[in-house]
Protein backbone atom coordinates (compact mmCIF):
# COMPACT_ATOMS: atom_id res chain seq x y z
CA UNK A 1 -8.08 -13.07 -36.73
CA UNK A 2 -8.88 -15.51 -33.94
CA UNK A 3 -6.91 -13.40 -31.44
CA UNK A 4 -8.81 -10.28 -32.54
CA UNK A 5 -12.15 -12.04 -32.01
CA UNK A 6 -11.09 -13.13 -28.54
CA UNK A 7 -10.00 -9.57 -27.70
CA UNK A 8 -13.35 -8.18 -28.89
CA UNK A 9 -15.17 -10.76 -26.78
CA UNK A 10 -13.13 -9.87 -23.70
CA UNK A 11 -13.84 -6.17 -24.21
CA UNK A 12 -17.51 -7.01 -23.79
CA UNK A 13 -17.11 -9.60 -21.04
CA UNK A 14 -14.20 -9.39 -18.65
CA UNK A 15 -12.63 -12.78 -17.75
CA UNK A 16 -14.07 -14.25 -14.56
CA UNK A 17 -11.95 -14.77 -11.47
CA UNK A 18 -13.87 -17.99 -10.80
CA UNK A 19 -13.12 -19.65 -14.15
CA UNK A 20 -11.73 -23.09 -13.17
CA UNK A 21 -8.18 -22.72 -14.49
CA UNK A 22 -7.95 -19.05 -13.50
CA UNK A 23 -9.06 -20.04 -10.00
CA UNK A 24 -6.40 -22.77 -9.93
CA UNK A 25 -3.69 -20.27 -10.95
CA UNK A 26 -5.01 -17.75 -8.43
CA UNK A 27 -4.72 -20.24 -5.57
CA UNK A 28 -1.30 -21.51 -6.75
CA UNK A 29 0.21 -18.04 -7.11
CA UNK A 30 -1.35 -16.95 -3.82
CA UNK A 31 0.40 -19.83 -2.03
CA UNK A 32 3.69 -18.85 -3.66
CA UNK A 33 3.18 -15.17 -2.83
CA UNK A 34 2.28 -15.90 0.80
CA UNK A 35 5.37 -18.08 1.30
CA UNK A 36 7.59 -15.41 -0.26
CA UNK A 37 6.03 -12.75 1.96
CA UNK A 38 6.53 -14.79 5.14
CA UNK A 39 10.15 -15.57 4.35
CA UNK A 40 11.00 -11.96 3.58
CA UNK A 41 9.24 -10.41 6.60
CA UNK A 42 10.83 -12.72 9.20
CA UNK A 43 14.34 -12.79 7.69
CA UNK A 44 14.79 -9.27 6.28
CA UNK A 45 11.92 -7.36 7.88
CA UNK A 46 10.50 -6.31 4.52
CA UNK A 47 7.93 -7.49 2.00
CA UNK A 48 8.42 -7.27 -1.76
CA UNK A 49 6.05 -6.08 -4.46
CA UNK A 50 5.53 -9.34 -6.36
CA UNK A 51 2.97 -7.94 -8.82
CA UNK A 52 5.46 -7.74 -11.69
CA UNK A 53 6.69 -11.25 -10.88
CA UNK A 54 3.08 -12.43 -11.18
CA UNK A 55 2.67 -10.62 -14.49
CA UNK A 56 5.87 -12.17 -15.87
CA UNK A 57 4.77 -15.60 -14.66
CA UNK A 58 1.44 -15.21 -16.45
CA UNK A 59 3.25 -14.15 -19.64
CA UNK A 60 5.47 -17.23 -19.47
CA UNK A 61 2.44 -19.50 -18.89
CA UNK A 62 0.64 -17.99 -21.87
CA UNK A 63 3.49 -18.93 -24.18
CA UNK A 64 3.51 -22.62 -23.25
CA UNK A 65 2.20 -24.43 -26.38
CA UNK A 66 -0.87 -25.88 -24.70
CA UNK A 67 -4.26 -24.74 -25.96
CA UNK A 68 -5.85 -24.07 -22.57
CA UNK A 69 -2.97 -21.71 -21.69
CA UNK A 70 -3.22 -19.56 -24.83
CA UNK A 71 -6.03 -17.53 -23.30
CA UNK A 72 -3.53 -16.16 -20.76
CA UNK A 73 -2.10 -13.99 -23.48
CA UNK A 74 -4.99 -11.76 -22.44
CA UNK A 75 -3.72 -8.77 -20.44
CA UNK A 76 -6.84 -8.99 -18.26
CA UNK A 77 -6.14 -12.59 -17.24
CA UNK A 78 -2.51 -11.68 -16.58
CA UNK A 79 -3.80 -8.83 -14.43
CA UNK A 80 -5.83 -11.26 -12.30
CA UNK A 81 -2.72 -13.40 -11.73
CA UNK A 82 -0.57 -10.44 -10.65
CA UNK A 83 -3.40 -9.31 -8.37
CA UNK A 84 -3.40 -12.71 -6.67
CA UNK A 85 0.30 -13.03 -5.92
CA UNK A 86 0.62 -9.37 -4.89
CA UNK A 87 -2.35 -9.57 -2.50
CA UNK A 88 -1.09 -12.78 -0.91
CA UNK A 89 2.44 -11.44 -0.41
CA UNK A 90 1.42 -8.23 1.35
CA UNK A 91 -1.43 -9.95 3.15
CA UNK A 92 0.62 -12.78 4.64
CA UNK A 93 3.61 -10.62 5.57
CA UNK A 94 2.27 -7.21 6.61
CA UNK A 95 -1.33 -7.85 7.56
CA UNK A 96 -1.00 -11.25 9.28
CA UNK A 97 2.52 -12.25 10.30
CA UNK A 98 3.36 -8.90 11.91
CA UNK A 99 0.21 -8.83 14.12
CA UNK A 100 0.54 -12.42 15.39
CA UNK A 101 4.22 -11.94 16.22
CA UNK A 102 3.32 -9.38 18.89
CA UNK A 103 1.54 -11.72 21.35
CA UNK A 104 4.24 -14.35 20.72
CA UNK A 105 7.01 -11.98 21.84
CA UNK A 106 4.90 -10.82 24.78
CA UNK A 107 4.64 -14.44 25.92
CA UNK A 108 0.87 -14.45 25.41
CA UNK A 109 0.82 -17.48 23.11
CA UNK A 110 -2.87 -18.05 23.83
CA UNK A 111 -3.61 -14.81 21.95
CA UNK A 112 -1.88 -15.82 18.71
CA UNK A 113 -4.94 -17.50 17.18
CA UNK A 114 -7.40 -14.74 18.26
CA UNK A 115 -4.96 -12.18 16.82
CA UNK A 116 -4.76 -14.12 13.54
CA UNK A 117 -8.56 -14.23 13.25
CA UNK A 118 -8.89 -10.53 14.07
CA UNK A 119 -6.07 -9.54 11.72
CA UNK A 120 -7.54 -11.63 8.88
CA UNK A 121 -10.95 -9.99 9.30
CA UNK A 122 -9.32 -6.54 9.43
CA UNK A 123 -7.30 -7.32 6.29
CA UNK A 124 -10.38 -8.41 4.32
CA UNK A 125 -12.27 -5.33 5.49
CA UNK A 126 -9.29 -3.10 4.71
CA UNK A 127 -9.18 -4.22 1.08
CA UNK A 128 -12.97 -4.06 0.75
CA UNK A 129 -13.06 -0.43 1.86
CA UNK A 130 -10.41 0.50 -0.72
CA UNK A 131 -12.44 -1.35 -3.37
CA UNK A 132 -15.41 0.83 -2.44
CA UNK A 133 -13.32 4.03 -2.34
CA UNK A 134 -11.17 3.47 -5.44
CA UNK A 135 -11.90 6.05 -8.15
CA UNK A 136 -13.66 8.45 -5.80
CA UNK A 137 -12.70 12.06 -5.14
CA UNK A 138 -10.62 10.83 -2.20
CA UNK A 139 -8.68 8.11 -4.02
CA UNK A 140 -9.00 8.83 -7.77
CA UNK A 141 -8.01 6.17 -10.26
CA UNK A 142 -6.34 8.94 -12.27
CA UNK A 143 -3.79 9.56 -9.50
CA UNK A 144 -0.31 8.08 -9.63
CA UNK A 145 -0.33 4.78 -7.65
CA UNK A 146 3.26 4.21 -8.96
CA UNK A 147 3.67 0.41 -8.58
CA UNK A 148 0.35 -0.03 -10.36
CA UNK A 149 1.58 2.03 -13.29
CA UNK A 150 4.79 -0.01 -13.47
CA UNK A 151 2.92 -3.32 -13.53
CA UNK A 152 0.46 -2.12 -16.16
CA UNK A 153 3.23 -0.84 -18.41
CA UNK A 154 5.08 -4.16 -18.05
CA UNK A 155 2.00 -6.13 -19.09
CA UNK A 156 1.26 -3.80 -22.03
CA UNK A 157 4.87 -3.95 -23.20
CA UNK A 158 4.82 -7.74 -23.09
CA UNK A 159 1.59 -7.77 -25.09
CA UNK A 160 2.28 -5.08 -27.70
CA UNK A 161 6.06 -4.74 -27.97
CA UNK A 162 7.20 -1.84 -30.16
CA UNK A 163 8.71 1.46 -29.03
CA UNK A 164 6.85 1.41 -25.75
CA UNK A 165 8.40 -1.95 -24.89
CA UNK A 166 11.84 -0.69 -25.89
CA UNK A 167 11.54 2.40 -23.70
CA UNK A 168 10.23 0.33 -20.81
CA UNK A 169 13.11 -2.12 -21.28
CA UNK A 170 15.63 0.72 -21.13
CA UNK A 171 13.99 1.98 -17.95
CA UNK A 172 13.94 -1.51 -16.40
CA UNK A 173 17.62 -2.01 -17.23
CA UNK A 174 18.38 1.36 -15.67
CA UNK A 175 16.30 0.39 -12.63
CA UNK A 176 18.18 -2.88 -12.15
CA UNK A 177 21.60 -1.28 -12.67
CA UNK A 178 20.83 1.68 -10.41
CA UNK A 179 19.51 -0.62 -7.69
CA UNK A 180 22.66 -2.72 -7.99
CA UNK A 181 24.67 0.45 -7.30
CA UNK A 182 22.54 1.16 -4.24
CA UNK A 183 20.27 3.83 -5.73
CA UNK A 184 16.57 3.34 -4.86
CA UNK A 185 15.30 3.60 -8.43
CA UNK A 186 11.66 3.30 -7.41
CA UNK A 187 12.03 6.61 -5.56
CA UNK A 188 13.76 8.10 -8.60
CA UNK A 189 11.00 6.86 -10.93
CA UNK A 190 8.17 8.08 -8.71
CA UNK A 191 9.56 11.62 -9.03
CA UNK A 192 8.80 11.46 -12.77
CA UNK A 193 5.09 10.68 -12.43
CA UNK A 194 3.88 11.69 -8.96
CA UNK A 195 2.28 14.94 -7.87
CA UNK A 196 5.30 17.22 -7.90
CA UNK A 197 4.43 19.01 -4.63
CA UNK A 198 3.68 15.81 -2.74
CA UNK A 199 6.81 14.03 -3.99
CA UNK A 200 9.04 17.05 -3.31
CA UNK A 201 7.84 17.19 0.30
CA UNK A 202 8.42 13.45 0.56
CA UNK A 203 12.01 13.90 -0.61
CA UNK A 204 12.64 16.81 1.76
CA UNK A 205 11.26 14.75 4.64
CA UNK A 206 13.60 11.86 3.80
CA UNK A 207 16.63 14.17 3.73
CA UNK A 208 15.70 15.94 6.97
CA UNK A 209 15.33 12.58 8.72
CA UNK A 210 18.83 11.65 7.56
CA UNK A 211 20.68 14.92 8.16
CA UNK A 212 18.81 16.67 10.99
CA UNK A 213 21.63 15.83 13.41
CA UNK A 214 24.51 17.49 11.54
CA UNK A 215 22.34 20.40 10.37
CA UNK A 216 20.28 21.22 13.46
CA UNK A 217 21.72 19.11 16.25
CA UNK A 218 18.47 17.14 16.54
CA UNK A 219 18.49 13.39 15.93
CA UNK A 220 15.04 12.59 14.54
CA UNK A 221 15.79 8.88 14.89
CA UNK A 222 15.68 9.28 18.67
CA UNK A 223 12.76 11.71 18.93
CA UNK A 224 9.01 11.66 18.42
CA UNK A 225 8.98 14.71 16.14
CA UNK A 226 8.14 12.66 12.99
CA UNK A 227 5.34 10.87 14.85
CA UNK A 228 3.87 14.15 16.09
CA UNK A 229 4.07 15.58 12.59
CA UNK A 230 2.16 12.59 11.20
CA UNK A 231 -0.50 12.82 13.92
CA UNK A 232 -1.23 16.44 13.01
CA UNK A 233 -1.13 15.85 9.25
CA UNK A 234 -3.19 12.66 9.52
CA UNK A 235 -5.94 14.29 11.58
CA UNK A 236 -6.22 17.20 9.13
CA UNK A 237 -6.28 14.72 6.23
CA UNK A 238 -9.16 12.95 7.96
CA UNK A 239 -11.02 16.26 8.33
CA UNK A 240 -10.41 17.02 4.66
CA UNK A 241 -11.89 13.65 3.76
CA UNK A 242 -14.91 14.39 5.96
CA UNK A 243 -15.40 17.71 4.17
CA UNK A 244 -15.39 15.90 0.84
CA UNK A 245 -18.11 13.58 2.12
CA UNK A 246 -20.33 16.35 3.48
CA UNK A 247 -19.78 18.89 0.71
CA UNK A 248 -21.26 16.72 -2.00
CA UNK A 249 -21.91 19.46 -4.48
CA UNK A 250 -18.43 20.91 -4.43
CA UNK A 251 -15.69 19.59 -6.64
CA UNK A 252 -12.46 18.45 -5.08
CA UNK A 253 -9.19 19.85 -6.29
CA UNK A 254 -7.68 16.58 -7.47
CA UNK A 255 -4.80 16.55 -9.92
CA UNK A 256 -5.74 14.96 -13.24
CA UNK A 257 -2.73 16.02 -15.25
CA UNK A 258 -0.14 13.62 -13.89
CA UNK A 259 -1.42 10.29 -15.00
CA UNK A 260 -0.29 6.98 -16.39
CA UNK A 261 1.65 6.75 -19.62
CA UNK A 262 -1.11 5.24 -21.74
CA UNK A 263 -3.69 7.99 -21.23
CA UNK A 264 -4.34 9.62 -24.60
CA UNK A 265 -7.76 11.19 -24.04
CA UNK A 266 -9.65 13.32 -21.52
CA UNK A 267 -10.02 11.59 -18.16
CA UNK A 268 -13.54 10.36 -17.45
CA UNK A 269 -15.43 11.20 -14.29
CA UNK A 270 -14.99 9.02 -11.23
CA UNK A 271 -16.94 5.76 -11.29
CA UNK A 272 -17.81 6.14 -7.59
CA UNK A 273 -20.06 8.84 -6.14
CA UNK A 274 -20.14 10.85 -2.92
CA UNK A 275 -22.83 8.46 -1.73
CA UNK A 276 -20.41 5.56 -2.19
CA UNK A 277 -17.87 7.39 -0.03
CA UNK A 278 -20.41 7.95 2.73
CA UNK A 279 -21.47 4.30 2.68
CA UNK A 280 -17.88 3.03 2.69
CA UNK A 281 -16.99 5.12 5.73
CA UNK A 282 -20.24 4.55 7.59
CA UNK A 283 -20.49 0.80 7.14
CA UNK A 284 -16.72 0.47 7.30
CA UNK A 285 -16.52 2.08 10.74
CA UNK A 286 -19.28 -0.17 12.06
CA UNK A 287 -17.51 -3.21 10.61
CA UNK A 288 -14.21 -2.21 12.22
CA UNK A 289 -16.05 -1.71 15.49
CA UNK A 290 -17.41 -5.25 15.19
CA UNK A 291 -13.98 -6.72 14.39
CA UNK A 292 -12.39 -4.83 17.29
CA UNK A 293 -15.12 -6.17 19.60
CA UNK A 294 -14.61 -9.76 18.39
CA UNK A 295 -10.84 -9.47 18.85
CA UNK A 296 -11.22 -7.95 22.33
CA UNK A 297 -13.63 -10.67 23.49
CA UNK A 298 -11.49 -13.48 22.08
CA UNK A 299 -8.45 -11.86 23.68
CA UNK A 300 -10.15 -11.76 27.08
CA UNK A 301 -9.28 -8.13 27.75
CA UNK A 302 -12.78 -7.13 28.87
CA UNK A 303 -11.90 -8.17 32.43
CA UNK A 304 -8.77 -5.98 32.38
CA UNK A 305 -10.71 -2.72 31.92
CA UNK A 306 -13.77 -0.99 33.23
CA UNK A 307 -16.81 -0.88 30.95
CA UNK A 308 -16.16 2.78 30.17
CA UNK A 309 -12.52 2.15 29.30
CA UNK A 310 -13.53 -0.86 27.20
CA UNK A 311 -15.92 1.30 25.13
CA UNK A 312 -13.20 3.91 24.67
CA UNK A 313 -10.85 1.15 23.58
CA UNK A 314 -13.25 -0.12 20.92
CA UNK A 315 -13.98 3.35 19.57
CA UNK A 316 -10.30 4.30 19.52
CA UNK A 317 -9.27 1.06 17.77
CA UNK A 318 -11.91 1.58 15.08
CA UNK A 319 -11.05 5.26 14.62
CA UNK A 320 -7.33 4.50 14.49
CA UNK A 321 -7.93 1.84 11.81
CA UNK A 322 -9.63 4.44 9.62
CA UNK A 323 -6.93 7.06 10.15
CA UNK A 324 -4.31 4.41 9.42
CA UNK A 325 -6.03 3.54 6.15
CA UNK A 326 -6.29 7.14 5.01
CA UNK A 327 -2.68 8.00 5.82
CA UNK A 328 -1.29 4.83 4.27
CA UNK A 329 -3.60 5.18 1.25
CA UNK A 330 -2.62 8.80 0.57
CA UNK A 331 1.09 8.05 0.90
CA UNK A 332 0.81 4.96 -1.31
CA UNK A 333 -1.26 6.77 -3.94
CA UNK A 334 1.21 9.63 -4.35
CA UNK A 335 4.60 8.08 -3.63
CA UNK A 336 4.32 4.29 -3.79
CA UNK A 337 5.69 4.19 -0.21
CA UNK A 338 3.56 3.78 2.87
CA UNK A 339 4.65 4.17 6.53
CA UNK A 340 2.42 1.39 7.87
CA UNK A 341 4.86 0.33 10.62
CA UNK A 342 5.31 3.89 11.89
CA UNK A 343 1.61 4.76 11.84
CA UNK A 344 0.83 1.60 13.83
CA UNK A 345 3.48 2.73 16.32
CA UNK A 346 1.73 6.10 16.63
CA UNK A 347 -1.53 4.28 17.40
CA UNK A 348 0.30 2.30 20.08
CA UNK A 349 1.82 5.40 21.67
CA UNK A 350 -1.53 7.19 21.85
CA UNK A 351 -3.11 4.05 23.31
CA UNK A 352 -0.40 4.02 25.99
CA UNK A 353 -1.08 7.67 26.79
CA UNK A 354 -4.79 6.87 27.18
CA UNK A 355 -3.85 4.16 29.67
CA UNK A 356 -4.85 0.85 28.10
CA UNK A 357 -3.30 -2.24 29.80
CA UNK A 358 -0.34 -4.07 28.13
CA UNK A 359 -2.27 -7.00 26.63
CA UNK A 360 -4.89 -4.64 25.21
CA UNK A 361 -2.08 -2.53 23.72
CA UNK A 362 -0.59 -5.61 22.06
CA UNK A 363 -3.92 -6.43 20.41
CA UNK A 364 -4.43 -2.76 19.52
CA UNK A 365 -1.14 -2.36 17.65
CA UNK A 366 -1.64 -5.74 15.95
CA UNK A 367 -5.11 -4.68 14.82
CA UNK A 368 -3.74 -1.37 13.56
CA UNK A 369 -0.84 -3.05 11.73
CA UNK A 370 -3.31 -5.35 9.95
CA UNK A 371 -5.00 -2.36 8.33
CA UNK A 372 -3.29 -0.26 5.68
CA UNK A 373 -1.06 -2.65 3.69
CA UNK A 374 -3.99 -4.46 2.03
CA UNK A 375 -5.58 -1.06 1.39
CA UNK A 376 -2.46 0.21 -0.41
CA UNK A 377 -1.85 -3.01 -2.34
CA UNK A 378 -5.44 -3.14 -3.55
CA UNK A 379 -5.01 0.42 -4.82
CA UNK A 380 -1.91 -0.57 -6.79
CA UNK A 381 -3.64 -3.60 -8.30
CA UNK A 382 -6.79 -1.70 -9.24
CA UNK A 383 -4.66 1.04 -10.84
CA UNK A 384 -3.01 -1.61 -13.01
CA UNK A 385 -6.41 -2.92 -14.05
CA UNK A 386 -7.74 0.59 -14.64
CA UNK A 387 -4.96 1.30 -17.13
CA UNK A 388 -5.28 -2.05 -18.88
CA UNK A 389 -9.04 -1.60 -19.24
CA UNK A 390 -8.64 1.74 -21.01
CA UNK A 391 -8.51 4.24 -18.14
CA UNK A 392 -12.23 4.17 -17.49
CA UNK A 393 -13.40 4.90 -21.05
CA UNK A 394 -15.87 2.01 -20.85
CA UNK A 395 -17.51 2.44 -17.45
CA UNK A 396 -19.32 -0.91 -17.48
CA UNK A 397 -16.22 -2.85 -18.49
CA UNK A 398 -14.12 -1.02 -15.89
CA UNK A 399 -16.53 -1.81 -13.06
CA UNK A 400 -16.83 -5.44 -14.18
CA UNK A 401 -13.06 -5.90 -14.31
CA UNK A 402 -12.57 -4.16 -10.98
CA UNK A 403 -15.05 -6.54 -9.39
CA UNK A 404 -13.16 -9.56 -10.74
CA UNK A 405 -9.93 -8.17 -9.30
CA UNK A 406 -11.64 -7.73 -5.94
CA UNK A 407 -12.84 -11.35 -5.99
CA UNK A 408 -9.32 -12.49 -6.88
CA UNK A 409 -7.87 -10.49 -3.98
CA UNK A 410 -10.35 -11.93 -1.51
CA UNK A 411 -9.46 -15.46 -2.60
CA UNK A 412 -5.75 -14.66 -2.32
CA UNK A 413 -6.20 -13.18 1.17
CA UNK A 414 -8.05 -16.28 2.36
CA UNK A 415 -5.28 -18.48 0.92
CA UNK A 416 -2.68 -16.29 2.64
CA UNK A 417 -4.51 -16.69 5.95
CA UNK A 418 -4.46 -20.48 5.60
CA UNK A 419 -0.75 -20.45 4.73
CA UNK A 420 0.04 -18.34 7.80
CA UNK A 421 -2.16 -20.57 9.99
CA UNK A 422 -0.27 -23.71 8.96
CA UNK A 423 3.18 -22.09 8.89
CA UNK A 424 3.45 -19.75 11.89
CA UNK A 425 4.35 -22.48 14.40
CA UNK A 426 7.42 -23.48 12.42
CA UNK A 427 8.63 -19.88 12.31
CA UNK A 428 7.96 -19.18 15.98
CA UNK A 429 9.69 -22.44 16.95
CA UNK A 430 12.83 -20.90 15.45
CA UNK A 431 12.10 -17.51 17.09
CA UNK A 432 11.58 -15.98 13.66
CA UNK A 433 9.35 -12.92 13.83
CA UNK A 434 9.15 -9.62 11.99
CA UNK A 435 11.79 -7.26 13.49
CA UNK A 436 9.23 -4.47 13.90
CA UNK A 437 7.32 -6.66 16.39
CA UNK A 438 10.25 -6.33 18.78
CA UNK A 439 9.98 -2.55 18.50
CA UNK A 440 6.27 -2.62 19.34
CA UNK A 441 6.73 -4.88 22.38
CA UNK A 442 9.77 -2.93 23.61
CA UNK A 443 7.70 0.27 23.41
CA UNK A 444 4.91 -1.31 25.48
CA UNK A 445 7.39 -2.48 28.11
CA UNK A 446 9.21 0.88 28.26
CA UNK A 447 6.05 2.96 28.73
CA UNK A 448 5.57 6.63 27.80
CA UNK A 449 6.16 9.87 29.69
CA UNK A 450 4.54 13.30 29.81
CA UNK A 451 7.54 14.56 27.85
CA UNK A 452 6.65 12.30 24.91
CA UNK A 453 3.01 13.41 25.06
CA UNK A 454 4.08 17.06 24.94
CA UNK A 455 6.49 16.42 22.07
CA UNK A 456 3.75 14.69 20.05
CA UNK A 457 1.30 17.54 20.67
CA UNK A 458 3.83 20.26 19.91
CA UNK A 459 4.93 18.81 16.56
CA UNK A 460 1.40 17.88 15.54
CA UNK A 461 0.75 21.60 15.07
CA UNK A 462 3.16 22.24 12.15
CA UNK A 463 2.12 18.91 10.64
CA UNK A 464 -1.51 19.99 10.73
CA UNK A 465 -0.72 23.43 9.28
CA UNK A 466 1.34 22.02 6.39
CA UNK A 467 -1.42 19.56 5.50
CA UNK A 468 -4.07 22.26 5.76
CA UNK A 469 -2.29 24.79 3.53
CA UNK A 470 -1.16 22.10 1.06
CA UNK A 471 -4.73 20.93 0.61
CA UNK A 472 -6.12 17.65 -0.68
CA UNK A 473 -4.43 18.05 -4.05
CA UNK A 474 -0.87 18.21 -2.75
CA UNK A 475 -1.08 16.20 0.52
CA UNK A 476 2.12 17.94 1.59
CA UNK A 477 1.76 17.29 5.32
CA UNK A 478 1.19 13.53 5.05
CA UNK A 479 3.97 13.04 2.48
CA UNK A 480 6.45 15.19 4.42
CA UNK A 481 5.69 13.22 7.59
CA UNK A 482 6.06 9.98 5.62
CA UNK A 483 9.56 11.05 4.65
CA UNK A 484 10.39 11.97 8.25
CA UNK A 485 9.38 8.49 9.40
CA UNK A 486 11.66 6.66 6.95
CA UNK A 487 15.43 6.57 7.38
CA UNK A 488 16.66 6.20 3.81
CA UNK A 489 19.02 9.04 2.77
CA UNK A 490 19.64 7.73 -0.75
CA UNK A 491 15.90 7.68 -1.42
CA UNK A 492 15.74 11.38 -0.54
CA UNK A 493 18.53 12.25 -2.96
CA UNK A 494 16.94 10.06 -5.65
CA UNK A 495 13.60 11.84 -5.28
CA UNK A 496 15.12 15.33 -5.43
CA UNK A 497 17.32 14.39 -8.40
CA UNK A 498 14.30 12.95 -10.21
CA UNK A 499 12.24 16.09 -9.56
CA UNK A 500 15.02 18.33 -10.91
CA UNK A 501 15.44 16.21 -14.05
CA UNK A 502 11.68 16.18 -14.58
CA UNK A 503 11.41 19.96 -14.31
CA UNK A 504 14.34 20.51 -16.69
CA UNK A 505 13.08 18.03 -19.31
CA UNK A 506 9.55 19.46 -19.28
CA UNK A 507 10.98 22.97 -19.55
CA UNK A 508 13.08 22.03 -22.58
CA UNK A 509 10.83 19.49 -24.34
CA UNK A 510 7.39 20.60 -23.20
CA UNK A 511 4.36 18.49 -22.32
CA UNK A 512 5.03 15.97 -25.09
CA UNK A 513 7.83 14.59 -22.92
CA UNK A 514 5.38 13.43 -20.21
CA UNK A 515 4.46 10.13 -21.90
CA UNK A 516 8.01 8.84 -22.54
CA UNK A 517 9.05 10.02 -19.07
CA UNK A 518 6.15 8.09 -17.55
CA UNK A 519 7.12 4.93 -19.40
CA UNK A 520 10.75 5.31 -18.32
CA UNK A 521 9.57 5.87 -14.75
CA UNK A 522 7.51 2.69 -14.90
CA UNK A 523 10.63 0.88 -16.11
CA UNK A 524 12.73 2.27 -13.24
CA UNK A 525 10.13 1.11 -10.70
CA UNK A 526 9.75 -2.30 -12.36
CA UNK A 527 13.52 -2.80 -12.52
CA UNK A 528 13.90 -1.82 -8.88
CA UNK A 529 11.12 -4.23 -7.88
CA UNK A 530 12.71 -7.09 -9.82
CA UNK A 531 16.16 -6.45 -8.38
CA UNK A 532 14.81 -6.13 -4.83
CA UNK A 533 12.83 -9.34 -5.16
CA UNK A 534 15.62 -11.52 -6.53
CA UNK A 535 18.31 -10.03 -4.27
CA UNK A 536 16.06 -10.70 -1.27
CA UNK A 537 15.52 -14.30 -2.36
CA UNK A 538 19.28 -14.67 -2.82
CA UNK A 539 19.95 -13.35 0.70
CA UNK A 540 17.44 -15.80 2.16
CA UNK A 541 18.97 -18.73 0.26
CA UNK A 542 22.39 -17.86 1.69
């Protein structure tokens, strides 16, 4: 009876992120997440999704027989904890450590601190823009956001048990076992719940990247075809977003059929309006412009360029940050994968073609790399909260809970920034940097040719056409290009196999099979995340 009363109270008032003990756990888990992120990015070149680890940690804490901890049986408090550790992990690794490693490798150690400040501001802005855009026509809460679904299902299963927990457990066991055998089970699971057109194009792109040499005699690993494809698809995606903003009275063709497992009623309208989209993009661009200006002044690059070139630099950096966000956000929303490293490389290559000097290019690619990961991670976290809060049925409660998650993320990002500030010297003293930083610096040192410019332009055309004809619902161009930019053959086969199984099961069992398939998919993704996390920690310890 007491638990029911507490649940009724929480349905009216969402737990606050600033409650003393919640704040303590937020800071503690953010420190843990940031340290994990730093270790993984400099040793293995990857960052792990620690959201499920955070959820499991909160569940364990809630079962400690101490009165003050009993309140963490609440799924909403557990959601705040997973938001904290997830934000800190991605923030420290992708948004901060990667950018500051670039000036270190370039030998410009005096730019490390300015780069950290600029990257931190970009990261906070990145997540804020997603917060403003989440559950709009551009980034609907009803879309897939696969890791968010997996985390939500894990929390619900831990809270409710029953058949749902059993099915999720079977999926998680399958995810762990499949990952142990080398099968990327997150890719397999995404195929069960994602937009079928988008995910199919993603899978085809992955396979073409892997087998283009034997099939067509073209090694995509050594060409700029994938980058050109993404430039074309990304620019058309940006235009499509602009059309959504300006055509306020027209509905957008957004898929609302393929949703999370726990949706049992008609999907409510978006909680954000077209006006919110316009404000987010307008104020967001100005804010990015300000951050780019601050970074450029602190970096001392004003003296390296003419005034005209400096203005072009600021405008391009701000524009590139927005394009980066949109591309990464779309890919993350549909597939759970985001090509942040590759899109930052595209920004760098275009900057080189424009003719920016080397130091300015280093700051540019660092600034670009800082945007995107926080955007995607915030989307995953807010999707988890959206499902736990009833899929938007109670608009006021949904907006209140979303705000508390945003506050939690901001706290976690600040903690992550402090951890990186105090830790980066020890890593750099051992020459430990993210491997992708070496790629960025090597690209700057090698320069670009007219041949590369032509190749980018030529392959941007089919990328643009595929995105245009696929439309905003399918996002075929962006997802196909995402696949082309990732060398992971097994992921391609996993996606295609998952799509085929999904089509066959729905054909035989009908629409009633969607819910159990979604729960299984969440289990596959959760199991893969758990296996990847613990195997990565084991590799580091060795």
